[in-house]
Amino acid sequence: MVNSRLARPTAGKPPPALPYWDLADVREFPEPALSDSDSPITVYTSASCGYCVAAKNFLKSRGLSWKEVRVDLDPAERQRMVAMARRTSVPQIFVGDTHVGGYDDMMAMHRAGQLAPLLEANGLKDGTP
């Protein structure tokens, strides 16, 4: 039995068109200038990853730069990330040779007071008081 309140006759009409999103004007955030190939922080990311943006925003808020590696653009880099992190999800964050993990792992380290000493051991200073 069909619930008449939910059934909406379309009388042969096509469904409304979905909005068109012009991706030509989409800007990647944070700014590419913050991606620093000499930084000991490496963030493996992909384009459509909200946690990747959150991780980069957190690093930016702390006054830190990082090297960004887009694994969705380079299958060899994805294989390298999986070999080092033993994880397939992004972001994967490294400080020097230390695998921090993903965004949630980085935030847990930060809350536990473990991230700042790791940054300092790699010559970085957390810029937020």
Protein backbone atom coordinates (compact mmCIF):
# COMPACT_ATOMS: atom_id res chain seq x y z
CA MET A 1 0.00 0.00 0.00
CA VAL A 2 1.35 3.43 -0.94
CA ASN A 3 1.25 6.22 1.60
CA SER A 4 -0.58 8.97 -0.26
CA ARG A 5 1.18 11.70 1.73
CA LEU A 6 4.56 10.52 0.43
CA ALA A 7 3.56 9.70 -3.13
CA ARG A 8 3.76 12.72 -5.38
CA PRO A 9 2.49 12.17 -8.87
CA THR A 10 4.78 13.66 -11.47
CA ALA A 11 2.30 13.31 -14.32
CA GLY A 12 5.09 12.31 -16.67
CA LYS A 13 7.28 15.29 -15.76
CA PRO A 14 11.02 14.70 -15.42
CA PRO A 15 12.53 15.32 -12.00
CA PRO A 16 13.95 18.81 -11.41
CA ALA A 17 17.45 19.35 -12.70
CA LEU A 18 20.30 19.12 -10.24
CA PRO A 19 22.33 22.30 -9.77
CA TYR A 20 25.40 22.67 -11.94
CA TRP A 21 28.60 23.25 -10.00
CA ASP A 22 31.33 25.00 -11.92
CA LEU A 23 34.52 23.67 -10.36
CA ALA A 24 36.75 26.03 -12.33
CA ASP A 25 36.57 28.63 -9.56
CA VAL A 26 37.21 26.24 -6.67
CA ARG A 27 40.32 27.16 -4.73
CA GLU A 28 42.27 24.69 -2.69
CA PHE A 29 42.67 25.72 0.93
CA PRO A 30 45.05 26.36 2.61
CA GLU A 31 47.12 28.32 0.16
CA PRO A 32 49.73 26.36 -1.81
CA ALA A 33 52.43 28.69 -0.42
CA LEU A 34 52.12 26.83 2.89
CA SER A 35 53.16 23.61 1.19
CA ASP A 36 56.89 23.60 1.81
CA SER A 37 59.04 20.87 0.28
CA ASP A 38 61.72 21.43 2.95
CA SER A 39 59.35 20.97 5.89
CA PRO A 40 59.79 17.86 8.07
CA ILE A 41 55.97 17.56 8.15
CA THR A 42 54.53 15.53 5.28
CA VAL A 43 50.77 15.28 4.77
CA TYR A 44 49.47 12.71 2.28
CA THR A 45 46.12 13.97 0.96
CA SER A 46 43.51 13.69 -1.75
CA ALA A 47 41.31 16.37 -3.32
CA SER A 48 37.96 15.37 -1.86
CA CYS A 49 39.00 14.75 1.75
CA GLY A 50 37.51 16.88 4.51
CA TYR A 51 39.87 15.47 7.13
CA CYS A 52 42.81 16.48 4.92
CA VAL A 53 41.56 20.07 4.88
CA ALA A 54 41.02 19.94 8.65
CA ALA A 55 44.58 18.66 9.20
CA LYS A 56 46.07 21.39 7.01
CA ASN A 57 43.94 24.04 8.72
CA PHE A 58 45.16 22.84 12.12
CA LEU A 59 48.81 22.99 10.99
CA LYS A 60 48.23 26.44 9.50
CA SER A 61 46.61 27.63 12.75
CA ARG A 62 49.78 26.57 14.59
CA GLY A 63 52.02 28.52 12.21
CA LEU A 64 53.48 25.35 10.71
CA SER A 65 54.28 24.55 7.08
CA TRP A 66 54.18 21.10 5.52
CA LYS A 67 54.93 19.17 2.38
CA GLU A 68 51.69 18.02 0.75
CA VAL A 69 51.65 14.85 -1.35
CA ARG A 70 48.45 14.28 -3.36
CA VAL A 71 48.02 10.51 -3.57
CA ASP A 72 44.97 10.81 -5.82
CA LEU A 73 47.21 12.26 -8.53
CA ASP A 74 50.13 9.85 -8.21
CA PRO A 75 49.58 6.09 -7.73
CA ALA A 76 53.27 5.60 -6.89
CA GLU A 77 52.97 8.06 -4.00
CA ARG A 78 49.86 6.22 -2.78
CA GLN A 79 51.82 2.95 -2.75
CA ARG A 80 54.66 4.65 -0.90
CA MET A 81 52.22 6.06 1.69
CA VAL A 82 50.60 2.65 2.25
CA ALA A 83 54.01 1.00 2.61
CA MET A 84 55.12 3.54 5.23
CA ALA A 85 51.84 4.06 7.12
CA ARG A 86 50.29 0.61 6.70
CA ARG A 87 47.03 2.47 6.09
CA THR A 88 45.15 3.33 2.93
CA SER A 89 43.13 6.28 4.25
CA VAL A 90 44.05 9.95 4.00
CA PRO A 91 45.32 12.09 5.48
CA GLN A 92 48.43 10.33 6.68
CA ILE A 93 50.73 12.66 8.55
CA PHE A 94 54.44 12.24 9.21
CA VAL A 95 56.72 14.44 11.29
CA GLY A 96 60.24 13.58 10.22
CA ASP A 97 60.36 9.78 10.15
CA THR A 98 57.58 9.44 12.75
CA HIS A 99 54.16 8.38 11.53
CA VAL A 100 51.60 10.46 13.41
CA GLY A 101 48.58 8.86 11.73
CA GLY A 102 45.46 10.60 10.48
CA TYR A 103 43.75 13.78 11.58
CA ASP A 104 42.14 12.19 14.66
CA ASP A 105 45.49 10.70 15.69
CA MET A 106 47.21 14.07 15.33
CA MET A 107 44.54 15.78 17.41
CA ALA A 108 44.78 13.08 20.11
CA MET A 109 48.57 13.60 20.24
CA HIS A 110 48.02 17.36 20.49
CA ARG A 111 45.51 17.01 23.34
CA ALA A 112 47.84 14.60 25.17
CA GLY A 113 50.74 17.07 24.87
CA GLN A 114 52.75 14.70 22.65
CA LEU A 115 52.71 16.67 19.40
CA ALA A 116 54.72 19.72 20.54
CA PRO A 117 57.73 17.63 21.73
CA LEU A 118 57.70 15.70 18.43
CA LEU A 119 57.69 18.98 16.50
CA GLU A 120 60.52 20.36 18.63
CA ALA A 121 62.57 17.18 18.12
CA ASN A 122 62.31 17.87 14.38
CA GLY A 123 63.36 21.52 14.65
CA LEU A 124 59.86 23.01 14.60
CA LYS A 125 58.15 25.30 17.05
CA ASP A 126 54.41 25.29 17.61
CA GLY A 127 53.53 28.90 16.86
CA THR A 128 50.32 29.13 18.89
CA PRO A 129 50.51 30.00 22.58
